[in-house]
Amino acid sequence: MKRVRCPKCDTFIVFDETKYNEGQSLVFVCPGCKKEFKIRMGKSKMTNIHEERQIDENAYSQDYGSIIVVENKFAFKQIIPLDLGDNEFGRYLKGTNINKPIETSDPSIDTFHCVIRVEQNARGQLKYILRDAPSDTGTFYMNQILKDSDRINLEDGAIITIGATTLILRAANS
């Protein structure tokens, strides 16, 4: 299955690309805003980059680690690299002002949902600290909902749930 994004409202449309030939033009009508738009079937340069990131879950292990977005009915698998400081996670929406958007159609994820802060201690070891943004549906760490005042220290493999989407922390190598 392949998905395209409406150029007007960013709604995803999923279709079976195996039914079409390379070079063929397709016309879609967005179910969200009713805009009609065309695409041409072919191999995208961005597809290659996205596929490389999906294959190597440890791609950012030398940097500051990464978050793996587990594939579900709302989103494809994604690997999002972490940076030092606040990493603000939420649903991608045109005009969203966060630094780690998740490409998903999950309506239960806020556009600014949670924050993972990456810090170095005095010995140079990385610390990962999770907090809720606060969000409407809450942020869960290992199936326990966080209060607005909670700050949770995360370890490699920590499972975070926002909306109906699961995130897994891959800490950087020591």
N, C-alpha and C. Protein backbone atom coordinates (compact mmCIF):
# COMPACT_ATOMS: atom_id res chain seq x y z
N MET A 1 0.84 -1.18 0.00
CA MET A 1 0.00 0.00 0.00
C MET A 1 0.88 1.25 0.00
N LYS A 2 0.43 2.25 -0.70
CA LYS A 2 1.15 3.52 -0.79
C LYS A 2 0.21 4.61 -0.30
N ARG A 3 0.77 5.70 0.19
CA ARG A 3 -0.07 6.80 0.63
C ARG A 3 0.43 8.10 0.03
N VAL A 4 -0.51 8.99 -0.24
CA VAL A 4 -0.20 10.33 -0.74
C VAL A 4 -0.87 11.33 0.19
N ARG A 5 -0.31 12.52 0.24
CA ARG A 5 -0.83 13.56 1.11
C ARG A 5 -1.49 14.64 0.27
N CYS A 6 -2.68 15.05 0.67
CA CYS A 6 -3.39 16.13 -0.02
C CYS A 6 -2.56 17.41 0.11
N PRO A 7 -2.31 18.11 -1.00
CA PRO A 7 -1.50 19.33 -0.93
C PRO A 7 -2.20 20.49 -0.22
N LYS A 8 -3.52 20.40 -0.04
CA LYS A 8 -4.25 21.50 0.59
C LYS A 8 -4.39 21.30 2.10
N CYS A 9 -4.81 20.11 2.54
CA CYS A 9 -5.11 19.91 3.97
C CYS A 9 -4.24 18.85 4.65
N ASP A 10 -3.31 18.22 3.92
CA ASP A 10 -2.38 17.23 4.47
C ASP A 10 -3.04 15.91 4.88
N THR A 11 -4.26 15.64 4.45
CA THR A 11 -4.91 14.36 4.73
C THR A 11 -4.22 13.27 3.90
N PHE A 12 -3.99 12.10 4.51
CA PHE A 12 -3.39 10.98 3.79
C PHE A 12 -4.46 10.19 3.06
N ILE A 13 -4.13 9.75 1.84
CA ILE A 13 -4.99 8.87 1.06
C ILE A 13 -4.16 7.63 0.75
N VAL A 14 -4.67 6.46 1.08
CA VAL A 14 -3.95 5.20 0.89
C VAL A 14 -4.54 4.48 -0.32
N PHE A 15 -3.65 3.93 -1.17
CA PHE A 15 -4.11 3.19 -2.34
C PHE A 15 -3.11 2.07 -2.63
N ASP A 16 -3.55 1.11 -3.44
CA ASP A 16 -2.71 -0.04 -3.80
C ASP A 16 -1.93 0.29 -5.07
N GLU A 17 -0.63 0.58 -4.91
CA GLU A 17 0.20 1.00 -6.04
C GLU A 17 0.49 -0.13 -7.02
N THR A 18 0.28 -1.39 -6.62
CA THR A 18 0.57 -2.52 -7.51
C THR A 18 -0.42 -2.59 -8.68
N LYS A 19 -1.52 -1.87 -8.60
CA LYS A 19 -2.52 -1.88 -9.68
C LYS A 19 -2.19 -0.90 -10.80
N TYR A 20 -1.11 -0.12 -10.64
CA TYR A 20 -0.79 0.92 -11.61
C TYR A 20 0.64 0.75 -12.11
N ASN A 21 0.91 1.28 -13.30
CA ASN A 21 2.24 1.20 -13.90
C ASN A 21 3.03 2.47 -13.64
N GLU A 22 4.37 2.33 -13.67
CA GLU A 22 5.24 3.48 -13.51
C GLU A 22 4.98 4.45 -14.66
N GLY A 23 4.89 5.75 -14.35
CA GLY A 23 4.63 6.77 -15.35
C GLY A 23 3.15 7.09 -15.53
N GLN A 24 2.27 6.26 -14.97
CA GLN A 24 0.83 6.48 -15.11
C GLN A 24 0.39 7.62 -14.19
N SER A 25 -0.51 8.49 -14.66
CA SER A 25 -1.05 9.60 -13.86
C SER A 25 -2.34 9.15 -13.18
N LEU A 26 -2.47 9.52 -11.90
CA LEU A 26 -3.66 9.19 -11.12
C LEU A 26 -4.29 10.48 -10.61
N VAL A 27 -5.61 10.51 -10.54
CA VAL A 27 -6.34 11.66 -10.02
C VAL A 27 -7.03 11.23 -8.73
N PHE A 28 -6.86 12.03 -7.66
CA PHE A 28 -7.48 11.76 -6.37
C PHE A 28 -8.37 12.92 -5.99
N VAL A 29 -9.42 12.63 -5.22
CA VAL A 29 -10.25 13.64 -4.60
C VAL A 29 -10.11 13.44 -3.10
N CYS A 30 -9.61 14.45 -2.40
CA CYS A 30 -9.37 14.37 -0.96
C CYS A 30 -10.68 14.21 -0.21
N PRO A 31 -10.79 13.20 0.67
CA PRO A 31 -12.02 13.04 1.44
C PRO A 31 -12.20 14.14 2.49
N GLY A 32 -11.10 14.81 2.86
CA GLY A 32 -11.18 15.85 3.88
C GLY A 32 -11.68 17.18 3.34
N CYS A 33 -11.00 17.70 2.29
CA CYS A 33 -11.33 19.04 1.79
C CYS A 33 -11.95 19.02 0.39
N LYS A 34 -12.06 17.83 -0.23
CA LYS A 34 -12.66 17.65 -1.56
C LYS A 34 -11.82 18.23 -2.70
N LYS A 35 -10.55 18.55 -2.43
CA LYS A 35 -9.66 19.06 -3.49
C LYS A 35 -9.28 17.91 -4.41
N GLU A 36 -9.25 18.19 -5.71
CA GLU A 36 -8.83 17.21 -6.70
C GLU A 36 -7.37 17.49 -7.04
N PHE A 37 -6.55 16.43 -7.04
CA PHE A 37 -5.14 16.60 -7.39
C PHE A 37 -4.63 15.35 -8.10
N LYS A 38 -3.51 15.53 -8.84
CA LYS A 38 -2.93 14.44 -9.63
C LYS A 38 -1.56 14.07 -9.08
N ILE A 39 -1.21 12.79 -9.29
CA ILE A 39 0.16 12.34 -9.05
C ILE A 39 0.58 11.48 -10.24
N ARG A 40 1.86 11.35 -10.42
CA ARG A 40 2.40 10.46 -11.46
C ARG A 40 3.14 9.33 -10.75
N MET A 41 2.81 8.09 -11.10
CA MET A 41 3.46 6.93 -10.48
C MET A 41 4.92 6.88 -10.90
N GLY A 42 5.77 6.61 -9.95
CA GLY A 42 7.20 6.50 -10.21
C GLY A 42 7.93 6.29 -8.90
N LYS A 43 9.23 6.16 -8.99
CA LYS A 43 10.05 5.94 -7.81
C LYS A 43 10.50 7.30 -7.27
N SER A 44 10.19 7.57 -6.03
CA SER A 44 10.54 8.84 -5.41
C SER A 44 11.90 8.74 -4.72
N LYS A 45 12.66 9.83 -4.73
CA LYS A 45 13.92 9.87 -3.99
C LYS A 45 13.67 9.77 -2.50
N MET A 46 12.57 10.36 -2.03
CA MET A 46 12.23 10.31 -0.61
C MET A 46 11.90 8.90 -0.17
N THR A 47 11.35 8.08 -1.05
CA THR A 47 11.03 6.70 -0.70
C THR A 47 12.30 5.95 -0.31
N ASN A 48 13.37 6.15 -1.08
CA ASN A 48 14.63 5.48 -0.75
C ASN A 48 15.14 5.89 0.62
N ILE A 49 15.07 7.17 0.95
CA ILE A 49 15.53 7.65 2.25
C ILE A 49 14.68 7.05 3.35
N HIS A 50 13.34 7.05 3.16
CA HIS A 50 12.43 6.52 4.17
C HIS A 50 12.66 5.03 4.38
N GLU A 51 12.88 4.27 3.30
CA GLU A 51 13.12 2.84 3.43
C GLU A 51 14.41 2.55 4.18
N GLU A 52 15.47 3.33 3.95
CA GLU A 52 16.73 3.14 4.67
C GLU A 52 16.53 3.35 6.16
N ARG A 53 15.78 4.38 6.53
CA ARG A 53 15.53 4.65 7.95
C ARG A 53 14.72 3.54 8.59
N GLN A 54 13.77 2.97 7.84
CA GLN A 54 12.95 1.91 8.39
C GLN A 54 13.77 0.65 8.65
N ILE A 55 14.69 0.35 7.77
CA ILE A 55 15.45 -0.89 7.89
C ILE A 55 16.39 -0.86 9.08
N ASP A 56 17.11 0.25 9.29
CA ASP A 56 18.13 0.31 10.31
C ASP A 56 17.64 1.04 11.55
N GLU A 57 17.14 0.27 12.53
CA GLU A 57 16.64 0.86 13.76
C GLU A 57 17.77 1.45 14.61
N ASN A 58 19.00 1.06 14.34
CA ASN A 58 20.13 1.58 15.12
C ASN A 58 20.88 2.67 14.36
N ALA A 59 20.25 3.27 13.36
CA ALA A 59 20.91 4.26 12.52
C ALA A 59 21.43 5.46 13.31
N TYR A 60 20.76 5.82 14.39
CA TYR A 60 21.15 7.00 15.15
C TYR A 60 21.76 6.63 16.50
N SER A 61 22.24 5.39 16.65
CA SER A 61 22.79 4.95 17.93
C SER A 61 24.09 5.65 18.28
N GLN A 62 24.80 6.19 17.28
CA GLN A 62 26.04 6.92 17.56
C GLN A 62 25.77 8.36 17.95
N ASP A 63 24.58 8.87 17.64
CA ASP A 63 24.24 10.26 17.94
C ASP A 63 23.64 10.33 19.35
N TYR A 64 22.36 10.70 19.43
CA TYR A 64 21.70 10.84 20.73
C TYR A 64 20.57 9.83 20.89
N GLY A 65 20.50 8.83 20.01
CA GLY A 65 19.45 7.84 20.08
C GLY A 65 18.31 8.20 19.14
N SER A 66 17.23 7.42 19.22
CA SER A 66 16.09 7.66 18.34
C SER A 66 14.81 7.11 18.95
N ILE A 67 13.72 7.51 18.36
CA ILE A 67 12.40 6.99 18.72
C ILE A 67 11.89 6.21 17.52
N ILE A 68 11.42 5.00 17.76
CA ILE A 68 10.81 4.19 16.71
C ILE A 68 9.30 4.28 16.87
N VAL A 69 8.63 4.71 15.81
CA VAL A 69 7.17 4.75 15.78
C VAL A 69 6.73 3.40 15.22
N VAL A 70 6.02 2.63 16.03
CA VAL A 70 5.59 1.30 15.62
C VAL A 70 4.45 1.44 14.62
N GLU A 71 4.55 0.70 13.51
CA GLU A 71 3.54 0.77 12.46
C GLU A 71 2.19 0.27 13.00
N ASN A 72 1.14 1.01 12.68
CA ASN A 72 -0.21 0.59 13.02
C ASN A 72 -1.15 1.07 11.92
N LYS A 73 -2.45 1.02 12.16
CA LYS A 73 -3.40 1.39 11.10
C LYS A 73 -3.36 2.88 10.77
N PHE A 74 -2.78 3.69 11.66
CA PHE A 74 -2.73 5.14 11.44
C PHE A 74 -1.41 5.62 10.84
N ALA A 75 -0.33 4.86 11.04
CA ALA A 75 0.98 5.36 10.62
C ALA A 75 1.88 4.23 10.17
N PHE A 76 2.81 4.56 9.27
CA PHE A 76 3.84 3.62 8.88
C PHE A 76 4.97 3.71 9.88
N LYS A 77 5.82 2.70 9.91
CA LYS A 77 6.97 2.70 10.82
C LYS A 77 7.87 3.88 10.47
N GLN A 78 8.31 4.59 11.52
CA GLN A 78 9.18 5.74 11.34
C GLN A 78 10.29 5.68 12.37
N ILE A 79 11.44 6.21 12.02
CA ILE A 79 12.54 6.33 12.96
C ILE A 79 12.89 7.80 13.04
N ILE A 80 12.75 8.35 14.24
CA ILE A 80 12.95 9.78 14.44
C ILE A 80 14.18 9.99 15.32
N PRO A 81 15.23 10.63 14.79
CA PRO A 81 16.44 10.85 15.58
C PRO A 81 16.20 11.87 16.69
N LEU A 82 16.85 11.66 17.84
CA LEU A 82 16.74 12.59 18.95
C LEU A 82 17.91 13.57 18.93
N ASP A 83 17.70 14.74 19.50
CA ASP A 83 18.72 15.77 19.62
C ASP A 83 18.89 16.11 21.10
N LEU A 84 20.00 16.76 21.44
CA LEU A 84 20.17 17.27 22.80
C LEU A 84 19.11 18.32 23.05
N GLY A 85 18.58 18.37 24.26
CA GLY A 85 17.54 19.34 24.61
C GLY A 85 16.15 18.73 24.46
N ASP A 86 15.16 19.59 24.30
CA ASP A 86 13.77 19.14 24.22
C ASP A 86 13.43 18.64 22.82
N ASN A 87 12.89 17.43 22.76
CA ASN A 87 12.39 16.83 21.52
C ASN A 87 10.87 16.79 21.66
N GLU A 88 10.18 17.67 20.95
CA GLU A 88 8.74 17.83 21.07
C GLU A 88 8.03 16.95 20.05
N PHE A 89 7.25 15.98 20.54
CA PHE A 89 6.55 15.04 19.68
C PHE A 89 5.08 15.38 19.58
N GLY A 90 4.52 15.14 18.40
CA GLY A 90 3.10 15.34 18.18
C GLY A 90 2.76 14.95 16.76
N ARG A 91 1.47 15.07 16.42
CA ARG A 91 1.00 14.72 15.08
C ARG A 91 1.38 15.81 14.10
N TYR A 92 1.91 15.41 12.95
CA TYR A 92 2.26 16.39 11.92
C TYR A 92 0.99 16.99 11.36
N LEU A 93 0.97 18.29 11.30
CA LEU A 93 -0.10 19.04 10.68
C LEU A 93 0.55 20.28 10.09
N LYS A 94 0.16 20.66 8.91
CA LYS A 94 0.76 21.82 8.25
C LYS A 94 0.71 23.02 9.21
N GLY A 95 1.86 23.65 9.42
CA GLY A 95 1.94 24.80 10.32
C GLY A 95 2.25 24.44 11.77
N THR A 96 2.39 23.15 12.07
CA THR A 96 2.71 22.73 13.43
C THR A 96 4.11 23.20 13.79
N ASN A 97 4.27 23.68 15.01
CA ASN A 97 5.56 24.23 15.42
C ASN A 97 6.23 23.32 16.45
N ILE A 98 6.48 22.06 16.07
CA ILE A 98 7.22 21.14 16.92
C ILE A 98 8.42 20.64 16.14
N ASN A 99 9.43 20.10 16.85
CA ASN A 99 10.64 19.70 16.15
C ASN A 99 10.72 18.21 15.82
N LYS A 100 9.79 17.39 16.30
CA LYS A 100 9.78 15.96 16.00
C LYS A 100 8.37 15.50 15.63
N PRO A 101 7.87 15.92 14.48
CA PRO A 101 6.50 15.53 14.09
C PRO A 101 6.42 14.06 13.69
N ILE A 102 5.30 13.45 14.03
CA ILE A 102 5.02 12.06 13.64
C ILE A 102 4.00 12.11 12.51
N GLU A 103 4.32 11.48 11.40
CA GLU A 103 3.38 11.44 10.27
C GLU A 103 2.36 10.35 10.55
N THR A 104 1.18 10.77 10.94
CA THR A 104 0.12 9.83 11.32
C THR A 104 -1.24 10.47 11.06
N SER A 105 -2.24 9.63 10.92
CA SER A 105 -3.61 10.12 10.82
C SER A 105 -4.37 9.83 12.12
N ASP A 106 -3.65 9.45 13.17
CA ASP A 106 -4.23 9.14 14.47
C ASP A 106 -4.81 10.42 15.09
N PRO A 107 -6.15 10.53 15.17
CA PRO A 107 -6.74 11.77 15.70
C PRO A 107 -6.56 11.93 17.21
N SER A 108 -6.14 10.87 17.91
CA SER A 108 -5.97 10.96 19.36
C SER A 108 -4.59 11.45 19.77
N ILE A 109 -3.73 11.77 18.78
CA ILE A 109 -2.44 12.39 19.08
C ILE A 109 -2.59 13.88 18.86
N ASP A 110 -2.24 14.66 19.89
CA ASP A 110 -2.27 16.12 19.75
C ASP A 110 -1.15 16.58 18.85
N THR A 111 -1.26 17.79 18.34
CA THR A 111 -0.19 18.34 17.51
C THR A 111 1.05 18.65 18.36
N PHE A 112 0.91 18.80 19.66
CA PHE A 112 2.03 18.87 20.61
C PHE A 112 1.64 17.98 21.77
N HIS A 113 2.20 16.76 21.81
CA HIS A 113 1.71 15.73 22.73
C HIS A 113 2.63 15.48 23.93
N CYS A 114 3.92 15.27 23.67
CA CYS A 114 4.84 14.98 24.77
C CYS A 114 6.24 15.48 24.42
N VAL A 115 7.12 15.48 25.44
CA VAL A 115 8.49 15.95 25.27
C VAL A 115 9.44 14.90 25.84
N ILE A 116 10.49 14.59 25.08
CA ILE A 116 11.59 13.77 25.59
C ILE A 116 12.82 14.67 25.60
N ARG A 117 13.31 14.94 26.81
CA ARG A 117 14.49 15.80 26.96
C ARG A 117 15.72 14.91 27.03
N VAL A 118 16.72 15.23 26.21
CA VAL A 118 17.99 14.50 26.21
C VAL A 118 19.04 15.42 26.83
N GLU A 119 19.66 14.93 27.91
CA GLU A 119 20.69 15.71 28.63
C GLU A 119 21.92 14.85 28.82
N GLN A 120 23.05 15.51 29.04
CA GLN A 120 24.27 14.81 29.41
C GLN A 120 24.57 15.13 30.86
N ASN A 121 24.92 14.09 31.64
CA ASN A 121 25.31 14.35 33.02
C ASN A 121 26.79 14.75 33.07
N ALA A 122 27.33 14.94 34.26
CA ALA A 122 28.72 15.40 34.41
C ALA A 122 29.73 14.43 33.82
N ARG A 123 29.38 13.14 33.76
CA ARG A 123 30.29 12.13 33.19
C ARG A 123 30.09 11.94 31.69
N GLY A 124 29.21 12.73 31.10
CA GLY A 124 28.98 12.65 29.66
C GLY A 124 27.96 11.60 29.25
N GLN A 125 27.32 10.94 30.22
CA GLN A 125 26.30 9.93 29.91
C GLN A 125 24.98 10.63 29.58
N LEU A 126 24.25 10.07 28.64
CA LEU A 126 22.97 10.65 28.23
C LEU A 126 21.84 10.23 29.16
N LYS A 127 20.95 11.18 29.46
CA LYS A 127 19.73 10.93 30.22
C LYS A 127 18.56 11.28 29.34
N TYR A 128 17.50 10.46 29.40
CA TYR A 128 16.28 10.69 28.63
C TYR A 128 15.15 10.90 29.63
N ILE A 129 14.47 12.04 29.54
CA ILE A 129 13.42 12.38 30.49
C ILE A 129 12.13 12.66 29.72
N LEU A 130 11.07 11.93 30.08
CA LEU A 130 9.77 12.04 29.41
C LEU A 130 8.80 12.85 30.25
N ARG A 131 8.03 13.72 29.58
CA ARG A 131 6.93 14.43 30.23
C ARG A 131 5.80 14.64 29.23
N ASP A 132 4.59 14.78 29.77
CA ASP A 132 3.43 15.06 28.93
C ASP A 132 3.45 16.54 28.57
N ALA A 133 2.81 16.93 27.48
CA ALA A 133 2.92 18.31 26.97
C ALA A 133 2.23 19.40 27.79
N PRO A 134 1.08 19.35 28.37
CA PRO A 134 0.09 18.29 28.53
C PRO A 134 -0.78 18.11 27.28
N SER A 135 -1.27 16.89 27.14
CA SER A 135 -2.07 16.54 25.98
C SER A 135 -3.49 16.21 26.42
N ASP A 136 -4.40 16.14 25.44
CA ASP A 136 -5.80 15.84 25.75
C ASP A 136 -6.00 14.38 26.14
N THR A 137 -5.28 13.45 25.49
CA THR A 137 -5.49 12.03 25.75
C THR A 137 -4.44 11.43 26.66
N GLY A 138 -3.43 12.19 27.03
CA GLY A 138 -2.41 11.70 27.97
C GLY A 138 -1.27 10.97 27.30
N THR A 139 -0.18 10.88 28.03
CA THR A 139 1.01 10.14 27.61
C THR A 139 1.19 8.99 28.58
N PHE A 140 1.42 7.79 28.05
CA PHE A 140 1.57 6.60 28.87
C PHE A 140 3.00 6.10 28.80
N TYR A 141 3.56 5.74 29.96
CA TYR A 141 4.87 5.11 30.03
C TYR A 141 4.66 3.74 30.64
N MET A 142 4.98 2.70 29.89
CA MET A 142 4.79 1.31 30.33
C MET A 142 3.36 1.10 30.88
N ASN A 143 2.37 1.59 30.12
CA ASN A 143 0.94 1.46 30.42
C ASN A 143 0.47 2.23 31.66
N GLN A 144 1.28 3.15 32.18
CA GLN A 144 0.87 4.01 33.30
C GLN A 144 0.78 5.44 32.77
N ILE A 145 -0.35 6.10 33.02
CA ILE A 145 -0.52 7.46 32.53
C ILE A 145 0.31 8.44 33.36
N LEU A 146 0.92 9.41 32.69
CA LEU A 146 1.72 10.42 33.37
C LEU A 146 0.82 11.56 33.82
N LYS A 147 1.12 12.08 35.00
CA LYS A 147 0.47 13.30 35.47
C LYS A 147 1.23 14.47 34.84
N ASP A 148 0.62 15.65 34.86
CA ASP A 148 1.26 16.82 34.27
C ASP A 148 2.61 17.12 34.92
N SER A 149 2.75 16.80 36.20
CA SER A 149 3.99 17.11 36.93
C SER A 149 5.04 16.00 36.84
N ASP A 150 4.69 14.84 36.27
CA ASP A 150 5.63 13.71 36.21
C ASP A 150 6.78 13.97 35.25
N ARG A 151 7.96 13.56 35.67
CA ARG A 151 9.16 13.55 34.82
C ARG A 151 9.76 12.15 34.99
N ILE A 152 9.74 11.35 33.92
CA ILE A 152 10.15 9.95 33.97
C ILE A 152 11.49 9.77 33.29
N ASN A 153 12.45 9.15 34.00
CA ASN A 153 13.74 8.80 33.39
C ASN A 153 13.55 7.55 32.56
N LEU A 154 13.96 7.59 31.31
CA LEU A 154 13.77 6.48 30.38
C LEU A 154 15.06 5.71 30.18
N GLU A 155 14.93 4.43 29.93
CA GLU A 155 16.05 3.55 29.58
C GLU A 155 15.83 3.03 28.16
N ASP A 156 16.86 2.45 27.58
CA ASP A 156 16.75 1.86 26.25
C ASP A 156 15.61 0.84 26.22
N GLY A 157 14.77 0.91 25.21
CA GLY A 157 13.66 -0.02 25.07
C GLY A 157 12.39 0.43 25.76
N ALA A 158 12.38 1.63 26.36
CA ALA A 158 11.18 2.13 27.04
C ALA A 158 10.04 2.24 26.05
N ILE A 159 8.84 1.87 26.50
CA ILE A 159 7.65 1.91 25.65
C ILE A 159 6.77 3.07 26.09
N ILE A 160 6.50 3.95 25.13
CA ILE A 160 5.69 5.14 25.37
C ILE A 160 4.49 5.05 24.43
N THR A 161 3.31 5.37 24.95
CA THR A 161 2.11 5.34 24.13
C THR A 161 1.48 6.72 24.13
N ILE A 162 1.26 7.26 22.93
CA ILE A 162 0.55 8.52 22.79
C ILE A 162 -0.59 8.25 21.81
N GLY A 163 -1.81 8.53 22.26
CA GLY A 163 -2.97 8.19 21.46
C GLY A 163 -3.02 6.68 21.25
N ALA A 164 -3.18 6.26 20.01
CA ALA A 164 -3.18 4.83 19.68
C ALA A 164 -1.86 4.41 19.07
N THR A 165 -0.80 5.21 19.29
CA THR A 165 0.50 4.97 18.67
C THR A 165 1.54 4.65 19.73
N THR A 166 2.37 3.64 19.44
CA THR A 166 3.41 3.21 20.36
C THR A 166 4.77 3.68 19.87
N LEU A 167 5.55 4.22 20.80
CA LEU A 167 6.91 4.68 20.53
C LEU A 167 7.87 3.85 21.36
N ILE A 168 9.04 3.53 20.80
CA ILE A 168 10.06 2.79 21.53
C ILE A 168 11.35 3.60 21.49
N LEU A 169 11.96 3.79 22.67
CA LEU A 169 13.22 4.53 22.75
C LEU A 169 14.39 3.62 22.43
N ARG A 170 15.25 4.05 21.54
CA ARG A 170 16.52 3.38 21.26
C ARG A 170 17.59 4.35 21.71
N ALA A 171 18.19 4.08 22.87
CA ALA A 171 19.20 4.97 23.44
C ALA A 171 20.48 4.89 22.62
N ALA A 172 21.27 5.96 22.70
CA ALA A 172 22.56 5.98 22.00
C ALA A 172 23.52 5.00 22.66
N ASN A 173 24.50 4.52 21.89
CA ASN A 173 25.51 3.63 22.46
C ASN A 173 26.34 4.39 23.48
N SER A 174 26.75 3.69 24.52
CA SER A 174 27.57 4.32 25.56
C SER A 174 28.95 4.59 25.02
